[in-house]
């Protein structure tokens, strides 16, 4: 009885060790998720760049308008 139990336990250990050594293969869902996450990161970066450009444009227009008002006042 003990020898059957010992053999079963050793087989179980060997099976678990073999399963741990094997790397899991990525499924198509995992690769799709990775592509979507990369696209979202890229889109967030582009959106941040766009926000920076719009802010710069707003300050340029405001500065130009303020300069024109100051020039009109000083003349």
PDB file of N, CA and C in Angstrom:
ATOM      1  N   UNK A   1       0.822  -1.189   0.000  1.00  0.00           N
ATOM      2  CA  UNK A   1       0.000   0.000   0.000  1.00  0.00           C
ATOM      3  C   UNK A   1       0.869   1.257   0.000  1.00  0.00           C
ATOM      4  N   UNK A   2       1.893   1.273   0.841  1.00  0.00           N
ATOM      5  CA  UNK A   2       2.760   2.436   0.914  1.00  0.00           C
ATOM      6  C   UNK A   2       3.522   2.619  -0.376  1.00  0.00           C
ATOM      7  N   UNK A   3       3.906   1.555  -1.028  1.00  0.00           N
ATOM      8  CA  UNK A   3       4.663   1.691  -2.268  1.00  0.00           C
ATOM      9  C   UNK A   3       3.780   2.269  -3.379  1.00  0.00           C
ATOM     10  N   UNK A   4       2.508   1.913  -3.429  1.00  0.00           N
ATOM     11  CA  UNK A   4       1.605   2.482  -4.422  1.00  0.00           C
ATOM     12  C   UNK A   4       1.434   3.979  -4.181  1.00  0.00           C
ATOM     13  N   UNK A   5       1.310   4.347  -2.925  1.00  0.00           N
ATOM     14  CA  UNK A   5       1.150   5.744  -2.572  1.00  0.00           C
ATOM     15  C   UNK A   5       2.413   6.531  -2.926  1.00  0.00           C
ATOM     16  N   UNK A   6       3.578   5.949  -2.621  1.00  0.00           N
ATOM     17  CA  UNK A   6       4.836   6.615  -2.951  1.00  0.00           C
ATOM     18  C   UNK A   6       4.997   6.774  -4.446  1.00  0.00           C
ATOM     19  N   UNK A   7       4.650   5.747  -5.210  1.00  0.00           N
ATOM     20  CA  UNK A   7       4.749   5.854  -6.672  1.00  0.00           C
ATOM     21  C   UNK A   7       3.796   6.926  -7.210  1.00  0.00           C
ATOM     22  N   UNK A   8       2.598   6.969  -6.684  1.00  0.00           N
ATOM     23  CA  UNK A   8       1.627   7.964  -7.137  1.00  0.00           C
ATOM     24  C   UNK A   8       2.105   9.381  -6.817  1.00  0.00           C
ATOM     25  N   UNK A   9       2.671   9.558  -5.629  1.00  0.00           N
ATOM     26  CA  UNK A   9       3.188  10.873  -5.255  1.00  0.00           C
ATOM     27  C   UNK A   9       4.374  11.282  -6.119  1.00  0.00           C
ATOM     28  N   UNK A  10       5.257  10.346  -6.418  1.00  0.00           N
ATOM     29  CA  UNK A  10       6.410  10.681  -7.257  1.00  0.00           C
ATOM     30  C   UNK A  10       5.962  11.020  -8.682  1.00  0.00           C
ATOM     31  N   UNK A  11       4.948  10.336  -9.194  1.00  0.00           N
ATOM     32  CA  UNK A  11       4.427  10.658 -10.518  1.00  0.00           C
ATOM     33  C   UNK A  11       3.790  12.053 -10.517  1.00  0.00           C
ATOM     34  N   UNK A  12       3.086  12.339  -9.447  1.00  0.00           N
ATOM     35  CA  UNK A  12       2.463  13.649  -9.332  1.00  0.00           C
ATOM     36  C   UNK A  12       3.528  14.745  -9.303  1.00  0.00           C
ATOM     37  N   UNK A  13       4.604  14.527  -8.524  1.00  0.00           N
ATOM     38  CA  UNK A  13       5.696  15.508  -8.453  1.00  0.00           C
ATOM     39  C   UNK A  13       6.343  15.694  -9.813  1.00  0.00           C
ATOM     40  N   UNK A  14       6.613  14.573 -10.514  1.00  0.00           N
ATOM     41  CA  UNK A  14       7.235  14.664 -11.835  1.00  0.00           C
ATOM     42  C   UNK A  14       6.329  15.410 -12.809  1.00  0.00           C
ATOM     43  N   UNK A  15       5.048  15.149 -12.732  1.00  0.00           N
ATOM     44  CA  UNK A  15       4.106  15.847 -13.608  1.00  0.00           C
ATOM     45  C   UNK A  15       4.071  17.336 -13.350  1.00  0.00           C
ATOM     46  N   UNK A  16       4.093  17.707 -12.085  1.00  0.00           N
ATOM     47  CA  UNK A  16       4.086  19.134 -11.739  1.00  0.00           C
ATOM     48  C   UNK A  16       5.385  19.808 -12.162  1.00  0.00           C
ATOM     49  N   UNK A  17       6.508  19.145 -11.962  1.00  0.00           N
ATOM     50  CA  UNK A  17       7.785  19.722 -12.373  1.00  0.00           C
ATOM     51  C   UNK A  17       7.835  19.893 -13.885  1.00  0.00           C
ATOM     52  N   UNK A  18       7.338  18.914 -14.612  1.00  0.00           N
ATOM     53  CA  UNK A  18       7.328  19.015 -16.071  1.00  0.00           C
ATOM     54  C   UNK A  18       6.407  20.147 -16.525  1.00  0.00           C
ATOM     55  N   UNK A  19       5.286  20.313 -15.857  1.00  0.00           N
ATOM     56  CA  UNK A  19       4.353  21.381 -16.212  1.00  0.00           C
ATOM     57  C   UNK A  19       4.953  22.752 -15.914  1.00  0.00           C
ATOM     58  N   UNK A  20       5.741  22.860 -14.848  1.00  0.00           N
ATOM     59  CA  UNK A  20       6.365  24.137 -14.508  1.00  0.00           C
ATOM     60  C   UNK A  20       7.460  24.498 -15.497  1.00  0.00           C
ATOM     61  N   UNK A  21       8.154  23.491 -16.033  1.00  0.00           N
ATOM     62  CA  UNK A  21       9.253  23.752 -16.966  1.00  0.00           C
ATOM     63  C   UNK A  21       8.742  24.200 -18.329  1.00  0.00           C
ATOM     64  N   UNK A  22       7.580  23.725 -18.734  1.00  0.00           N
ATOM     65  CA  UNK A  22       7.029  24.105 -20.018  1.00  0.00           C
ATOM     66  C   UNK A  22       6.511  25.531 -19.952  1.00  0.00           C
ATOM     67  N   UNK A  23       6.841  26.302 -20.976  1.00  0.00           N
ATOM     68  CA  UNK A  23       6.331  27.658 -21.038  1.00  0.00           C
ATOM     69  C   UNK A  23       4.957  27.617 -21.679  1.00  0.00           C
ATOM     70  N   UNK A  24       4.020  28.355 -21.124  1.00  0.00           N
ATOM     71  CA  UNK A  24       2.694  28.359 -21.738  1.00  0.00           C
ATOM     72  C   UNK A  24       2.726  29.079 -23.078  1.00  0.00           C
ATOM     73  N   UNK A  25       2.034  28.528 -24.061  1.00  0.00           N
ATOM     74  CA  UNK A  25       1.976  29.153 -25.374  1.00  0.00           C
ATOM     75  C   UNK A  25       0.936  30.268 -25.342  1.00  0.00           C
ATOM     76  N   UNK A  26       1.304  31.441 -25.868  1.00  0.00           N
ATOM     77  CA  UNK A  26       0.321  32.520 -25.865  1.00  0.00           C
ATOM     78  C   UNK A  26      -0.815  32.203 -26.836  1.00  0.00           C
ATOM     79  N   UNK A  27      -2.005  32.492 -26.408  1.00  0.00           N
ATOM     80  CA  UNK A  27      -3.151  32.248 -27.273  1.00  0.00           C
ATOM     81  C   UNK A  27      -3.373  33.462 -28.165  1.00  0.00           C
ATOM     82  N   UNK A  28      -4.233  33.322 -29.129  1.00  0.00           N
ATOM     83  CA  UNK A  28      -4.498  34.431 -30.034  1.00  0.00           C
ATOM     84  C   UNK A  28      -5.151  35.590 -29.281  1.00  0.00           C
ATOM     85  N   UNK A  29      -5.906  35.300 -28.245  1.00  0.00           N
ATOM     86  CA  UNK A  29      -6.509  36.360 -27.436  1.00  0.00           C
ATOM     87  C   UNK A  29      -5.465  37.185 -26.719  1.00  0.00           C
ATOM     88  N   UNK A  30      -4.395  36.525 -26.244  1.00  0.00           N
ATOM     89  CA  UNK A  30      -3.320  37.256 -25.565  1.00  0.00           C
ATOM     90  C   UNK A  30      -2.589  38.180 -26.535  1.00  0.00           C
ATOM     91  N   UNK A  31      -2.314  37.691 -27.734  1.00  0.00           N
ATOM     92  CA  UNK A  31      -1.604  38.529 -28.705  1.00  0.00           C
ATOM     93  C   UNK A  31      -2.491  39.690 -29.149  1.00  0.00           C
ATOM     94  N   UNK A  32      -3.781  39.438 -29.322  1.00  0.00           N
ATOM     95  CA  UNK A  32      -4.702  40.519 -29.695  1.00  0.00           C
ATOM     96  C   UNK A  32      -4.740  41.578 -28.602  1.00  0.00           C
ATOM     97  N   UNK A  33      -4.799  41.140 -27.349  1.00  0.00           N
ATOM     98  CA  UNK A  33      -4.842  42.074 -26.221  1.00  0.00           C
ATOM     99  C   UNK A  33      -3.557  42.908 -26.169  1.00  0.00           C
ATOM    100  N   UNK A  34      -2.416  42.278 -26.447  1.00  0.00           N
ATOM    101  CA  UNK A  34      -1.148  43.005 -26.426  1.00  0.00           C
ATOM    102  C   UNK A  34      -1.113  44.057 -27.534  1.00  0.00           C
ATOM    103  N   UNK A  35      -1.623  43.706 -28.710  1.00  0.00           N
ATOM    104  CA  UNK A  35      -1.653  44.664 -29.821  1.00  0.00           C
ATOM    105  C   UNK A  35      -2.569  45.829 -29.493  1.00  0.00           C
ATOM    106  N   UNK A  36      -3.717  45.545 -28.912  1.00  0.00           N
ATOM    107  CA  UNK A  36      -4.658  46.611 -28.562  1.00  0.00           C
ATOM    108  C   UNK A  36      -4.054  47.526 -27.499  1.00  0.00           C
ATOM    109  N   UNK A  37      -3.398  46.950 -26.503  1.00  0.00           N
ATOM    110  CA  UNK A  37      -2.768  47.773 -25.461  1.00  0.00           C
ATOM    111  C   UNK A  37      -1.673  48.660 -26.042  1.00  0.00           C
ATOM    112  N   UNK A  38      -0.887  48.125 -26.976  1.00  0.00           N
ATOM    113  CA  UNK A  38       0.175  48.918 -27.605  1.00  0.00           C
ATOM    114  C   UNK A  38      -0.435  50.054 -28.419  1.00  0.00           C
ATOM    115  N   UNK A  39      -1.503  49.775 -29.135  1.00  0.00           N
ATOM    116  CA  UNK A  39      -2.172  50.830 -29.907  1.00  0.00           C
ATOM    117  C   UNK A  39      -2.738  51.900 -28.992  1.00  0.00           C
ATOM    118  N   UNK A  40      -3.310  51.489 -27.870  1.00  0.00           N
ATOM    119  CA  UNK A  40      -3.852  52.470 -26.929  1.00  0.00           C
ATOM    120  C   UNK A  40      -2.752  53.346 -26.340  1.00  0.00           C
ATOM    121  N   UNK A  41      -1.613  52.740 -26.005  1.00  0.00           N
ATOM    122  CA  UNK A  41      -0.488  53.540 -25.495  1.00  0.00           C
ATOM    123  C   UNK A  41      -0.042  54.562 -26.530  1.00  0.00           C
ATOM    124  N   UNK A  42       0.046  54.121 -27.786  1.00  0.00           N
ATOM    125  CA  UNK A  42       0.465  55.019 -28.864  1.00  0.00           C
ATOM    126  C   UNK A  42      -0.561  56.137 -29.053  1.00  0.00           C
ATOM    127  N   UNK A  43      -1.841  55.798 -28.994  1.00  0.00           N
ATOM    128  CA  UNK A  43      -2.898  56.790 -29.138  1.00  0.00           C
ATOM    129  C   UNK A  43      -2.861  57.796 -27.987  1.00  0.00           C
ATOM    130  N   UNK A  44      -2.616  57.319 -26.769  1.00  0.00           N
ATOM    131  CA  UNK A  44      -2.504  58.230 -25.626  1.00  0.00           C
ATOM    132  C   UNK A  44      -1.329  59.182 -25.801  1.00  0.00           C
ATOM    133  N   UNK A  45      -0.230  58.673 -26.324  1.00  0.00           N
ATOM    134  CA  UNK A  45       0.936  59.524 -26.556  1.00  0.00           C
ATOM    135  C   UNK A  45       0.627  60.586 -27.609  1.00  0.00           C
ATOM    136  N   UNK A  46      -0.038  60.192 -28.687  1.00  0.00           N
ATOM    137  CA  UNK A  46      -0.398  61.149 -29.728  1.00  0.00           C
ATOM    138  C   UNK A  46      -1.382  62.184 -29.200  1.00  0.00           C
ATOM    139  N   UNK A  47      -2.323  61.762 -28.369  1.00  0.00           N
ATOM    140  CA  UNK A  47      -3.279  62.691 -27.791  1.00  0.00           C
ATOM    141  C   UNK A  47      -2.578  63.698 -26.883  1.00  0.00           C
ATOM    142  N   UNK A  48      -1.588  63.240 -26.124  1.00  0.00           N
ATOM    143  CA  UNK A  48      -0.809  64.149 -25.285  1.00  0.00           C
ATOM    144  C   UNK A  48      -0.046  65.171 -26.121  1.00  0.00           C
ATOM    145  N   UNK A  49       0.533  64.725 -27.245  1.00  0.00           N
ATOM    146  CA  UNK A  49       1.223  65.650 -28.147  1.00  0.00           C
ATOM    147  C   UNK A  49       0.254  66.675 -28.725  1.00  0.00           C
ATOM    148  N   UNK A  50      -0.924  66.212 -29.111  1.00  0.00           N
ATOM    149  CA  UNK A  50      -1.930  67.112 -29.682  1.00  0.00           C
ATOM    150  C   UNK A  50      -2.382  68.150 -28.655  1.00  0.00           C
ATOM    151  N   UNK A  51      -2.586  67.710 -27.405  1.00  0.00           N
ATOM    152  CA  UNK A  51      -2.984  68.652 -26.358  1.00  0.00           C
ATOM    153  C   UNK A  51      -1.906  69.713 -26.154  1.00  0.00           C
ATOM    154  N   UNK A  52      -0.655  69.307 -26.203  1.00  0.00           N
ATOM    155  CA  UNK A  52       0.438  70.262 -26.055  1.00  0.00           C
ATOM    156  C   UNK A  52       0.473  71.269 -27.191  1.00  0.00           C
ATOM    157  N   UNK A  53       0.223  70.805 -28.402  1.00  0.00           N
ATOM    158  CA  UNK A  53       0.217  71.725 -29.549  1.00  0.00           C
ATOM    159  C   UNK A  53      -0.951  72.701 -29.481  1.00  0.00           C
ATOM    160  N   UNK A  54      -2.129  72.214 -29.091  1.00  0.00           N
ATOM    161  CA  UNK A  54      -3.300  73.094 -28.976  1.00  0.00           C
ATOM    162  C   UNK A  54      -3.058  74.137 -27.885  1.00  0.00           C
ATOM    163  N   UNK A  55      -2.488  73.725 -26.763  1.00  0.00           N
ATOM    164  CA  UNK A  55      -2.179  74.692 -25.698  1.00  0.00           C
ATOM    165  C   UNK A  55      -1.183  75.737 -26.193  1.00  0.00           C
ATOM    166  N   UNK A  56      -0.184  75.306 -26.925  1.00  0.00           N
ATOM    167  CA  UNK A  56       0.788  76.256 -27.471  1.00  0.00           C
ATOM    168  C   UNK A  56       0.138  77.237 -28.432  1.00  0.00           C
ATOM    169  N   UNK A  57      -0.772  76.727 -29.275  1.00  0.00           N
ATOM    170  CA  UNK A  57      -1.469  77.588 -30.220  1.00  0.00           C
ATOM    171  C   UNK A  57      -2.349  78.601 -29.491  1.00  0.00           C
ATOM    172  N   UNK A  58      -3.031  78.159 -28.433  1.00  0.00           N
ATOM    173  CA  UNK A  58      -3.881  79.073 -27.662  1.00  0.00           C
ATOM    174  C   UNK A  58      -3.043  80.179 -27.036  1.00  0.00           C
ATOM    175  N   UNK A  59      -1.895  79.841 -26.458  1.00  0.00           N
ATOM    176  CA  UNK A  59      -1.043  80.868 -25.856  1.00  0.00           C
ATOM    177  C   UNK A  59      -0.453  81.792 -26.912  1.00  0.00           C
ATOM    178  N   UNK A  60      -0.186  81.287 -28.100  1.00  0.00           N
ATOM    179  CA  UNK A  60       0.329  82.125 -29.182  1.00  0.00           C
ATOM    180  C   UNK A  60      -0.718  83.154 -29.602  1.00  0.00           C
ATOM    181  N   UNK A  61      -1.958  82.695 -29.779  1.00  0.00           N
ATOM    182  CA  UNK A  61      -3.037  83.606 -30.178  1.00  0.00           C
ATOM    183  C   UNK A  61      -3.320  84.617 -29.061  1.00  0.00           C
ATOM    184  N   UNK A  62      -3.352  84.168 -27.823  1.00  0.00           N
ATOM    185  CA  UNK A  62      -3.592  85.083 -26.704  1.00  0.00           C
ATOM    186  C   UNK A  62      -2.458  86.097 -26.579  1.00  0.00           C
ATOM    187  N   UNK A  63      -1.236  85.645 -26.768  1.00  0.00           N
ATOM    188  CA  UNK A  63      -0.103  86.573 -26.694  1.00  0.00           C
ATOM    189  C   UNK A  63      -0.135  87.591 -27.811  1.00  0.00           C
ATOM    190  N   UNK A  64      -0.516  87.162 -29.004  1.00  0.00           N
ATOM    191  CA  UNK A  64      -0.620  88.089 -30.136  1.00  0.00           C
ATOM    192  C   UNK A  64      -1.718  89.115 -29.891  1.00  0.00           C
ATOM    193  N   UNK A  65      -2.848  88.657 -29.405  1.00  0.00           N
ATOM    194  CA  UNK A  65      -3.953  89.588 -29.126  1.00  0.00           C
ATOM    195  C   UNK A  65      -3.552  90.573 -28.030  1.00  0.00           C
ATOM    196  N   UNK A  66      -2.904  90.099 -26.994  1.00  0.00           N
ATOM    197  CA  UNK A  66      -2.457  90.980 -25.916  1.00  0.00           C
ATOM    198  C   UNK A  66      -1.441  91.992 -26.430  1.00  0.00           C
ATOM    199  N   UNK A  67      -0.544  91.543 -27.282  1.00  0.00           N
ATOM    200  CA  UNK A  67       0.449  92.470 -27.865  1.00  0.00           C
ATOM    201  C   UNK A  67      -0.238  93.544 -28.689  1.00  0.00           C
ATOM    202  N   UNK A  68      -1.230  93.173 -29.483  1.00  0.00           N
ATOM    203  CA  UNK A  68      -1.957  94.151 -30.293  1.00  0.00           C
ATOM    204  C   UNK A  68      -2.689  95.162 -29.415  1.00  0.00           C
ATOM    205  N   UNK A  69      -3.268  94.706 -28.322  1.00  0.00           N
ATOM    206  CA  UNK A  69      -3.968  95.620 -27.398  1.00  0.00           C
ATOM    207  C   UNK A  69      -2.976  96.576 -26.779  1.00  0.00           C
ATOM    208  N   UNK A  70      -1.818  96.099 -26.362  1.00  0.00           N
ATOM    209  CA  UNK A  70      -0.794  96.969 -25.752  1.00  0.00           C
ATOM    210  C   UNK A  70      -0.293  97.976 -26.765  1.00  0.00           C
ATOM    211  N   UNK A  71      -0.094  97.544 -28.008  1.00  0.00           N
ATOM    212  CA  UNK A  71       0.368  98.484 -29.058  1.00  0.00           C
ATOM    213  C   UNK A  71      -0.682  99.579 -29.287  1.00  0.00           C
ATOM    214  N   UNK A  72      -1.953  99.187 -29.328  1.00  0.00           N
ATOM    215  CA  UNK A  72      -3.033 100.197 -29.542  1.00  0.00           C
ATOM    216  C   UNK A  72      -3.088 101.178 -28.365  1.00  0.00           C
ATOM    217  N   UNK A  73      -2.893 100.682 -27.138  1.00  0.00           N
ATOM    218  CA  UNK A  73      -2.946 101.565 -25.966  1.00  0.00           C
ATOM    219  C   UNK A  73      -1.770 102.543 -25.977  1.00  0.00           C
ATOM    220  N   UNK A  74      -0.586 102.084 -26.355  1.00  0.00           N
ATOM    221  CA  UNK A  74       0.601 102.941 -26.313  1.00  0.00           C
ATOM    222  C   UNK A  74       0.672 103.921 -27.464  1.00  0.00           C
ATOM    223  N   UNK A  75      -0.108 103.790 -28.499  1.00  0.00           N
ATOM    224  CA  UNK A  75      -0.050 104.730 -29.620  1.00  0.00           C
ATOM    225  C   UNK A  75      -0.842 105.955 -29.355  1.00  0.00           C
TER     226      UNK A  75
END
